[in-house]
Amino acid sequence: MGMIKGRKRIVVRVILVVLALFLVLLALNHKRVMHIYHGLTLFETSRLSENFRNLDQRFPSVKVATGEVVFTLEEDLRDLPGEYIYLGERRSVSEFIEKTGTTGLLVAQSNHVLYEEYFNGYAATDRMITWSVSKSVISALIGIAIEEGYINGVHDLVTDYVPSLSASGYRDVTIKDVLQMSSGIGFNEDYFDRNSDVNQMGARSLGLGGSLEDLIISLESERTPGTYNQYVSSDTQVLGLILREATGIGIAEYTQEKLWKPAGMEFDGYWLTDSTGVESAFGGFNASLRDLARFGILYLNDGFLMDQQIIPQQWVKDSIKTDAAHLIPGENPNSDWVVGYGYQWWIPEGAENDYLAMGIYGQALYINLDRGIVIVKTSAYKNYDMDGEEVELESIEFFRHLALEMGNIY
């Protein structure tokens, strides 16, 4: 009996030692464990709204600090119109806002805020993950880098700046090709395929292991560059790599010094990074609703704000041109969607002189030149996997109607 009790005591001690070691390892790797947990639960529908707020605090990120002077947004608040028309049917504005899990909506003209509201617990001081709206920020930075002489021009090969890409399908691709999502690279952009290329990029962009550059190098060409418009997030990540190599500094610092401070942004922004510290150019920017509106106003003003030309005027104009057949909006045999494309900006079909940036789950920055209107919408749309593409098309008509009803006041 004594021998049995002795064995039990030994077993208990071993279990306690193993448990203690486990707890020590957990404590030492707490941050890593939490990164993994937040990564695994990032797109759970019940957690979307909370997860999309201040994502930069849960994953590796680099701050984009504000300057001392803020570009003032005057308030001239008014009600939204009650209805809009989509596919010949009158629909409720408030129902669309609710259905798409809107977390923030702001309508501005010049420096006047006509409407600003937050939903689902969000506030003006919150930062939101912008997802692919980040791509348009990268486009602006490329234009600035060309103006400053860090990059010779859009017809340079991407390998002129990132030689490691010579081992990839990007070896014969120009900067213009990647700006216009026409690289011809083979890439799976299916957000709901766990093994897709974009989800592998997503995991790396959250610092969960692996280099974004290494993934890019593994990609192969499928088509002749400059002939087909296929939306692939790897193209924007290539632009980010070019920026880092050409300027010699990180994207966050370049954003801060060349865009965020000069444009008078109100709140700090953050770029998510991979485990090597490389910013997730394709979709990792976090910013407030009001500062996204300022970015839109900057484009509305041809890159001029705070008494200075921040983004070259010609770059802004070139960014919204569909200067090749495969980029033109509408049914197009050489494009994978009906919305046209410029330099990392979407160009919708129709008579309105407008363009926009869009991100998954309902993020959008819309600019209407004829109406002088900028609209920012952040969202956590829970049914994005079911009809996200259709809702994005509906969003364009939603924005156009708000611009029509609220524009041309000043």
Protein backbone atom coordinates (compact mmCIF):
# COMPACT_ATOMS: atom_id res chain seq x y z
CA MET A 1 0.00 0.00 0.00
CA GLY A 2 2.83 2.37 0.89
CA MET A 3 4.46 1.69 -2.48
CA ILE A 4 1.19 2.56 -4.31
CA LYS A 5 0.84 5.82 -2.37
CA GLY A 6 4.45 6.66 -3.19
CA ARG A 7 3.82 6.11 -6.89
CA LYS A 8 0.71 8.30 -6.75
CA ARG A 9 2.73 11.08 -5.13
CA ILE A 10 5.35 10.81 -7.88
CA VAL A 11 2.67 10.95 -10.59
CA VAL A 12 1.08 14.01 -8.95
CA ARG A 13 4.47 15.71 -8.71
CA VAL A 14 5.20 14.99 -12.39
CA ILE A 15 1.82 16.39 -13.38
CA LEU A 16 2.43 19.51 -11.26
CA VAL A 17 5.89 19.99 -12.78
CA VAL A 18 4.51 19.60 -16.33
CA LEU A 19 1.70 22.03 -15.53
CA ALA A 20 4.14 24.52 -14.05
CA LEU A 21 6.36 24.28 -17.14
CA PHE A 22 3.32 24.78 -19.37
CA LEU A 23 2.29 27.88 -17.42
CA VAL A 24 5.83 29.27 -17.60
CA LEU A 25 5.96 28.70 -21.36
CA LEU A 26 2.52 30.28 -21.73
CA ALA A 27 3.63 33.33 -19.74
CA LEU A 28 6.82 33.69 -21.78
CA ASN A 29 4.91 33.38 -25.07
CA HIS A 30 1.71 35.16 -24.02
CA LYS A 31 1.92 37.77 -26.78
CA ARG A 32 2.53 35.09 -29.42
CA VAL A 33 -0.37 32.98 -28.11
CA MET A 34 -2.70 36.00 -28.15
CA HIS A 35 -1.62 36.85 -31.72
CA ILE A 36 -2.56 33.35 -32.80
CA TYR A 37 -5.87 33.49 -30.92
CA HIS A 38 -6.82 36.84 -32.41
CA GLY A 39 -5.76 35.62 -35.86
CA LEU A 40 -7.93 32.51 -35.62
CA THR A 41 -10.98 34.50 -34.43
CA LEU A 42 -10.46 37.61 -36.56
CA PHE A 43 -13.35 36.96 -38.95
CA GLU A 44 -15.82 35.31 -36.58
CA THR A 45 -19.09 37.06 -37.36
CA SER A 46 -19.93 37.72 -33.72
CA ARG A 47 -16.56 39.45 -33.24
CA LEU A 48 -16.13 41.35 -36.51
CA SER A 49 -17.13 44.77 -35.23
CA GLU A 50 -14.87 44.64 -32.19
CA ASN A 51 -11.98 43.00 -34.05
CA PHE A 52 -11.85 45.63 -36.78
CA ARG A 53 -11.32 48.40 -34.22
CA ASN A 54 -7.71 49.07 -33.20
CA LEU A 55 -6.43 45.91 -34.86
CA ASP A 56 -2.99 47.49 -34.65
CA GLN A 57 -3.00 46.91 -30.89
CA ARG A 58 -3.45 43.15 -31.29
CA PHE A 59 -0.83 42.50 -33.95
CA PRO A 60 2.63 43.85 -34.79
CA SER A 61 2.34 47.37 -36.17
CA VAL A 62 4.22 50.62 -36.76
CA LYS A 63 2.84 54.04 -35.86
CA VAL A 64 2.22 56.86 -38.34
CA ALA A 65 2.32 59.94 -36.12
CA THR A 66 0.39 63.15 -36.66
CA GLY A 67 1.98 66.58 -36.85
CA GLU A 68 1.40 69.70 -34.80
CA VAL A 69 -1.16 71.29 -37.16
CA VAL A 70 -4.53 69.67 -37.91
CA PHE A 71 -6.57 70.36 -41.04
CA THR A 72 -9.85 71.69 -39.65
CA LEU A 73 -13.11 70.03 -40.59
CA GLU A 74 -16.01 72.44 -40.10
CA GLU A 75 -19.39 71.00 -39.13
CA ASP A 76 -22.50 71.73 -41.16
CA LEU A 77 -24.47 68.66 -40.17
CA ARG A 78 -27.68 67.65 -41.85
CA ASP A 79 -29.86 64.59 -42.35
CA LEU A 80 -29.22 61.92 -44.94
CA PRO A 81 -31.80 61.39 -47.69
CA GLY A 82 -34.29 58.66 -46.83
CA GLU A 83 -34.01 56.55 -49.99
CA TYR A 84 -31.76 55.65 -52.89
CA ILE A 85 -32.39 53.69 -56.08
CA TYR A 86 -30.64 50.44 -56.98
CA LEU A 87 -31.61 48.26 -59.97
CA GLY A 88 -34.71 50.39 -60.46
CA GLU A 89 -35.91 49.79 -56.89
CA ARG A 90 -36.28 52.34 -54.12
CA ARG A 91 -34.40 51.25 -51.01
CA SER A 92 -34.02 52.63 -47.51
CA VAL A 93 -30.78 54.45 -46.66
CA SER A 94 -31.06 53.58 -42.96
CA GLU A 95 -31.73 49.91 -43.74
CA PHE A 96 -28.64 49.73 -45.95
CA ILE A 97 -26.54 51.27 -43.20
CA GLU A 98 -27.82 48.70 -40.71
CA LYS A 99 -27.72 45.71 -43.08
CA THR A 100 -24.07 46.23 -44.03
CA GLY A 101 -22.85 46.47 -40.42
CA THR A 102 -21.77 50.09 -40.78
CA THR A 103 -19.43 51.26 -38.01
CA GLY A 104 -18.88 54.78 -39.30
CA LEU A 105 -20.26 57.00 -42.07
CA LEU A 106 -19.03 60.49 -42.97
CA VAL A 107 -20.06 62.77 -45.83
CA ALA A 108 -17.92 65.86 -46.51
CA GLN A 109 -17.72 68.68 -49.02
CA SER A 110 -14.67 70.93 -49.14
CA ASN A 111 -13.73 71.11 -45.45
CA HIS A 112 -17.35 70.84 -44.29
CA VAL A 113 -18.68 67.68 -42.65
CA LEU A 114 -22.29 67.29 -43.75
CA TYR A 115 -22.92 64.03 -41.93
CA GLU A 116 -20.94 62.03 -39.38
CA GLU A 117 -22.26 59.12 -37.36
CA TYR A 118 -20.83 56.06 -35.62
CA PHE A 119 -22.54 52.74 -35.01
CA ASN A 120 -22.01 49.48 -33.14
CA GLY A 121 -20.06 51.11 -30.33
CA TYR A 122 -17.58 53.00 -32.51
CA ALA A 123 -16.46 56.61 -31.90
CA ALA A 124 -14.58 59.36 -33.74
CA THR A 125 -11.38 58.55 -31.86
CA ASP A 126 -11.35 54.89 -32.96
CA ARG A 127 -9.06 53.58 -35.65
CA MET A 128 -10.50 51.11 -38.13
CA ILE A 129 -8.68 48.57 -40.26
CA THR A 130 -9.17 49.85 -43.80
CA TRP A 131 -8.22 46.61 -45.55
CA SER A 132 -7.80 47.31 -49.29
CA VAL A 133 -8.46 51.03 -48.96
CA SER A 134 -4.79 50.85 -47.92
CA LYS A 135 -3.94 50.23 -51.58
CA SER A 136 -4.94 53.77 -52.52
CA VAL A 137 -2.70 55.18 -49.78
CA ILE A 138 0.20 53.22 -51.27
CA SER A 139 -0.64 54.65 -54.71
CA ALA A 140 -0.36 58.19 -53.32
CA LEU A 141 3.04 57.37 -51.80
CA ILE A 142 4.32 55.97 -55.10
CA GLY A 143 3.34 59.22 -56.81
CA ILE A 144 5.17 61.24 -54.16
CA ALA A 145 8.26 59.01 -54.41
CA ILE A 146 8.37 59.54 -58.20
CA GLU A 147 8.05 63.30 -57.73
CA GLU A 148 10.93 63.23 -55.22
CA GLY A 149 13.15 61.25 -57.59
CA TYR A 150 13.34 58.04 -55.58
CA ILE A 151 11.59 56.24 -58.45
CA ASN A 152 12.30 57.21 -62.07
CA GLY A 153 8.81 56.50 -63.39
CA VAL A 154 6.00 54.02 -63.85
CA HIS A 155 7.62 52.35 -66.84
CA ASP A 156 10.55 51.05 -64.79
CA LEU A 157 10.57 47.34 -64.02
CA VAL A 158 9.76 46.38 -60.45
CA THR A 159 13.03 44.43 -60.38
CA ASP A 160 14.95 47.68 -60.89
CA TYR A 161 14.11 48.37 -57.24
CA VAL A 162 13.53 44.90 -55.77
CA PRO A 163 16.10 42.60 -57.44
CA SER A 164 14.92 39.58 -55.41
CA LEU A 165 11.75 39.56 -57.52
CA SER A 166 13.79 38.45 -60.53
CA ALA A 167 13.24 34.93 -59.20
CA SER A 168 9.46 35.40 -59.37
CA GLY A 169 6.76 35.92 -61.99
CA TYR A 170 7.31 39.67 -61.53
CA ARG A 171 10.63 39.60 -63.39
CA ASP A 172 9.28 41.38 -66.53
CA VAL A 173 6.55 43.49 -64.91
CA THR A 174 6.55 47.31 -64.83
CA ILE A 175 5.48 49.52 -61.96
CA LYS A 176 2.53 50.66 -64.08
CA ASP A 177 1.42 47.04 -64.52
CA VAL A 178 1.22 46.51 -60.75
CA LEU A 179 -0.39 49.91 -60.16
CA GLN A 180 -3.17 48.88 -62.58
CA MET A 181 -3.54 45.31 -61.28
CA SER A 182 -2.35 44.00 -64.63
CA SER A 183 0.79 42.11 -63.67
CA GLY A 184 -0.39 38.78 -65.11
CA ILE A 185 0.71 37.04 -61.92
CA GLY A 186 -0.96 33.82 -60.82
CA PHE A 187 -2.67 34.57 -57.51
CA ASN A 188 -5.74 33.23 -55.66
CA GLU A 189 -7.64 36.20 -54.15
CA ASP A 190 -10.43 34.05 -52.63
CA TYR A 191 -10.86 35.39 -49.09
CA PHE A 192 -12.91 32.38 -48.05
CA ASP A 193 -10.49 29.71 -49.23
CA ARG A 194 -8.34 28.99 -46.20
CA ASN A 195 -5.40 27.97 -48.40
CA SER A 196 -5.61 30.84 -50.89
CA ASP A 197 -2.64 33.09 -51.63
CA VAL A 198 -4.38 36.13 -50.17
CA ASN A 199 -5.04 34.32 -46.89
CA GLN A 200 -1.41 33.23 -46.72
CA MET A 201 -0.50 36.88 -47.17
CA GLY A 202 -3.05 37.82 -44.54
CA ALA A 203 -1.52 35.50 -41.95
CA ARG A 204 1.94 36.91 -42.63
CA SER A 205 0.62 40.46 -42.55
CA LEU A 206 -0.52 39.87 -38.96
CA GLY A 207 2.96 38.81 -37.92
CA LEU A 208 1.95 35.18 -37.51
CA GLY A 209 5.11 33.90 -39.17
CA GLY A 210 6.77 34.12 -42.54
CA SER A 211 7.93 36.95 -44.76
CA LEU A 212 5.62 38.72 -47.20
CA GLU A 213 8.52 39.13 -49.62
CA ASP A 214 9.27 35.40 -49.58
CA LEU A 215 5.66 34.67 -50.52
CA ILE A 216 5.80 37.19 -53.38
CA ILE A 217 8.98 35.58 -54.71
CA SER A 218 7.20 32.21 -54.91
CA LEU A 219 4.50 33.51 -57.29
CA GLU A 220 4.57 32.71 -61.02
CA SER A 221 3.31 34.49 -64.11
CA GLU A 222 0.10 33.33 -65.85
CA ARG A 223 -0.47 36.04 -68.47
CA THR A 224 1.40 38.66 -70.45
CA PRO A 225 1.73 41.75 -68.22
CA GLY A 226 -0.38 44.78 -69.14
CA THR A 227 -3.12 42.87 -70.97
CA TYR A 228 -5.65 41.72 -68.36
CA ASN A 229 -7.06 43.40 -65.25
CA GLN A 230 -7.10 40.87 -62.41
CA TYR A 231 -7.33 42.13 -58.86
CA VAL A 232 -4.47 40.56 -56.91
CA SER A 233 -3.25 41.92 -53.58
CA SER A 234 0.29 40.79 -54.28
CA ASP A 235 0.60 43.63 -56.81
CA THR A 236 0.16 46.23 -54.07
CA GLN A 237 2.59 44.42 -51.79
CA VAL A 238 5.14 44.69 -54.60
CA LEU A 239 4.53 48.46 -54.65
CA GLY A 240 5.22 48.48 -50.91
CA LEU A 241 8.50 46.63 -51.42
CA ILE A 242 9.46 49.14 -54.12
CA LEU A 243 8.74 52.05 -51.75
CA ARG A 244 10.90 50.59 -48.99
CA GLU A 245 13.83 49.87 -51.31
CA ALA A 246 13.63 53.11 -53.29
CA THR A 247 13.27 55.49 -50.34
CA GLY A 248 15.45 53.53 -47.92
CA ILE A 249 12.90 53.88 -45.11
CA GLY A 250 9.81 52.00 -43.99
CA ILE A 251 6.37 52.69 -45.41
CA ALA A 252 5.10 53.91 -42.04
CA GLU A 253 7.79 56.58 -41.77
CA TYR A 254 7.27 57.65 -45.38
CA THR A 255 3.50 57.85 -44.83
CA GLN A 256 4.07 59.93 -41.73
CA GLU A 257 6.51 62.43 -43.22
CA LYS A 258 5.10 62.79 -46.74
CA LEU A 259 1.36 62.37 -46.22
CA TRP A 260 0.06 62.19 -42.66
CA LYS A 261 1.80 65.24 -41.19
CA PRO A 262 1.62 67.49 -44.28
CA ALA A 263 -2.12 66.80 -44.74
CA GLY A 264 -2.90 67.74 -41.14
CA MET A 265 -4.26 64.42 -39.97
CA GLU A 266 -5.88 64.44 -36.54
CA PHE A 267 -5.08 60.98 -35.18
CA ASP A 268 -2.14 58.60 -35.44
CA GLY A 269 -2.42 55.84 -38.00
CA TYR A 270 -0.79 52.41 -37.92
CA TRP A 271 0.52 49.95 -40.51
CA LEU A 272 0.38 46.26 -39.63
CA THR A 273 3.64 44.40 -40.31
CA ASP A 274 4.84 40.88 -40.95
CA SER A 275 7.21 39.13 -38.54
CA THR A 276 10.21 40.81 -40.20
CA GLY A 277 8.81 44.33 -39.72
CA VAL A 278 7.72 44.84 -43.34
CA GLU A 279 4.46 46.77 -43.61
CA SER A 280 1.38 45.05 -45.04
CA ALA A 281 0.97 47.44 -47.95
CA PHE A 282 -1.88 45.48 -49.52
CA GLY A 283 -4.35 45.96 -46.67
CA GLY A 284 -2.81 46.74 -43.29
CA PHE A 285 -3.48 50.43 -42.71
CA ASN A 286 -5.50 51.54 -39.66
CA ALA A 287 -6.94 55.06 -39.47
CA SER A 288 -9.82 57.11 -38.13
CA LEU A 289 -12.91 57.94 -40.18
CA ARG A 290 -12.14 61.67 -40.09
CA ASP A 291 -8.57 61.20 -41.32
CA LEU A 292 -9.74 58.96 -44.15
CA ALA A 293 -12.08 61.82 -45.09
CA ARG A 294 -9.10 64.20 -45.09
CA PHE A 295 -7.28 61.81 -47.41
CA GLY A 296 -10.30 61.88 -49.73
CA ILE A 297 -10.48 65.69 -49.58
CA LEU A 298 -6.79 65.79 -50.52
CA TYR A 299 -7.60 63.85 -53.71
CA LEU A 300 -10.70 65.97 -54.32
CA ASN A 301 -8.35 68.99 -54.29
CA ASP A 302 -5.92 67.42 -56.82
CA GLY A 303 -3.38 66.64 -54.10
CA PHE A 304 -3.31 70.19 -52.65
CA LEU A 305 -4.05 70.82 -48.97
CA MET A 306 -2.71 72.88 -46.07
CA ASP A 307 -1.25 75.43 -48.56
CA GLN A 308 0.98 72.87 -50.26
CA GLN A 309 0.99 70.34 -53.10
CA ILE A 310 1.30 67.07 -51.17
CA ILE A 311 0.53 64.60 -53.95
CA PRO A 312 1.55 65.69 -57.46
CA GLN A 313 -1.46 67.06 -59.33
CA GLN A 314 -0.70 65.08 -62.46
CA TRP A 315 -0.40 61.88 -60.41
CA VAL A 316 -3.91 62.37 -59.05
CA LYS A 317 -5.23 62.84 -62.58
CA ASP A 318 -3.31 59.84 -63.94
CA SER A 319 -4.50 57.69 -61.04
CA ILE A 320 -8.10 57.76 -62.22
CA LYS A 321 -7.52 57.18 -65.93
CA THR A 322 -8.55 53.92 -67.57
CA ASP A 323 -5.93 54.27 -70.29
CA ALA A 324 -6.05 50.74 -71.72
CA ALA A 325 -8.89 48.56 -73.00
CA HIS A 326 -8.61 46.02 -70.19
CA LEU A 327 -9.13 48.75 -67.55
CA ILE A 328 -12.40 50.19 -68.88
CA PRO A 329 -15.50 49.67 -66.68
CA GLY A 330 -18.47 47.57 -67.78
CA GLU A 331 -18.58 44.06 -69.17
CA ASN A 332 -15.02 43.52 -70.31
CA PRO A 333 -13.53 40.24 -71.58
CA ASN A 334 -10.10 41.35 -70.38
CA SER A 335 -11.09 42.16 -66.81
CA ASP A 336 -12.32 40.04 -63.91
CA TRP A 337 -14.90 42.64 -62.75
CA VAL A 338 -17.27 45.25 -64.15
CA VAL A 339 -15.69 48.16 -62.27
CA GLY A 340 -12.76 49.79 -64.06
CA TYR A 341 -9.34 50.37 -62.57
CA GLY A 342 -6.69 53.10 -62.37
CA TYR A 343 -3.64 53.40 -60.13
CA GLN A 344 -5.07 51.40 -57.20
CA TRP A 345 -8.44 53.18 -57.48
CA TRP A 346 -11.75 51.74 -58.74
CA ILE A 347 -13.47 53.60 -61.59
CA PRO A 348 -17.22 52.80 -61.81
CA GLU A 349 -19.25 52.68 -64.99
CA GLY A 350 -21.64 55.54 -65.68
CA ALA A 351 -21.85 59.29 -66.27
CA GLU A 352 -20.81 60.36 -62.75
CA ASN A 353 -17.27 61.71 -62.52
CA ASP A 354 -16.38 59.56 -59.52
CA TYR A 355 -13.99 56.92 -58.21
CA LEU A 356 -13.40 55.02 -54.99
CA ALA A 357 -11.26 52.77 -52.84
CA MET A 358 -12.85 49.62 -51.42
CA GLY A 359 -11.92 47.03 -48.82
CA ILE A 360 -13.44 43.72 -47.76
CA TYR A 361 -16.37 43.66 -45.32
CA GLY A 362 -17.60 47.06 -46.51
CA GLN A 363 -14.80 49.62 -46.24
CA ALA A 364 -14.98 52.45 -48.77
CA LEU A 365 -13.65 55.90 -49.62
CA TYR A 366 -15.74 57.50 -52.37
CA ILE A 367 -14.89 60.70 -54.26
CA ASN A 368 -17.32 62.50 -56.58
CA LEU A 369 -15.58 65.28 -58.50
CA ASP A 370 -18.70 66.80 -60.08
CA ARG A 371 -20.55 67.04 -56.75
CA GLY A 372 -17.48 67.92 -54.69
CA ILE A 373 -18.31 65.12 -52.25
CA VAL A 374 -16.17 62.70 -50.23
CA ILE A 375 -17.82 59.78 -48.42
CA VAL A 376 -16.13 57.38 -46.02
CA LYS A 377 -17.83 54.21 -44.82
CA THR A 378 -16.30 51.66 -42.46
CA SER A 379 -18.15 48.43 -41.82
CA ALA A 380 -18.17 44.94 -40.38
CA TYR A 381 -20.59 43.32 -42.82
CA LYS A 382 -21.27 39.83 -41.48
CA ASN A 383 -22.68 38.40 -44.72
CA TYR A 384 -19.80 39.54 -46.91
CA ASP A 385 -18.99 35.93 -47.79
CA MET A 386 -22.49 35.49 -49.27
CA ASP A 387 -22.99 38.63 -51.39
CA GLY A 388 -20.06 40.96 -50.76
CA GLU A 389 -19.42 41.72 -54.42
CA GLU A 390 -23.07 42.57 -55.09
CA VAL A 391 -23.21 44.81 -52.01
CA GLU A 392 -20.09 46.63 -53.21
CA LEU A 393 -21.87 47.41 -56.49
CA GLU A 394 -24.91 48.56 -54.53
CA SER A 395 -22.66 50.72 -52.36
CA ILE A 396 -21.55 52.67 -55.41
CA GLU A 397 -25.17 53.63 -56.20
CA PHE A 398 -25.75 54.34 -52.51
CA PHE A 399 -22.81 56.77 -52.49
CA ARG A 400 -23.84 58.34 -55.78
CA HIS A 401 -27.28 59.10 -54.43
CA LEU A 402 -25.90 60.68 -51.26
CA ALA A 403 -23.56 62.79 -53.42
CA LEU A 404 -26.43 63.84 -55.69
CA GLU A 405 -28.69 64.84 -52.80
CA MET A 406 -26.04 66.47 -50.60
CA GLY A 407 -23.54 67.90 -53.13
CA ASN A 408 -22.98 71.33 -54.67
CA ILE A 409 -23.80 73.29 -51.51
CA TYR A 410 -20.64 75.39 -51.21
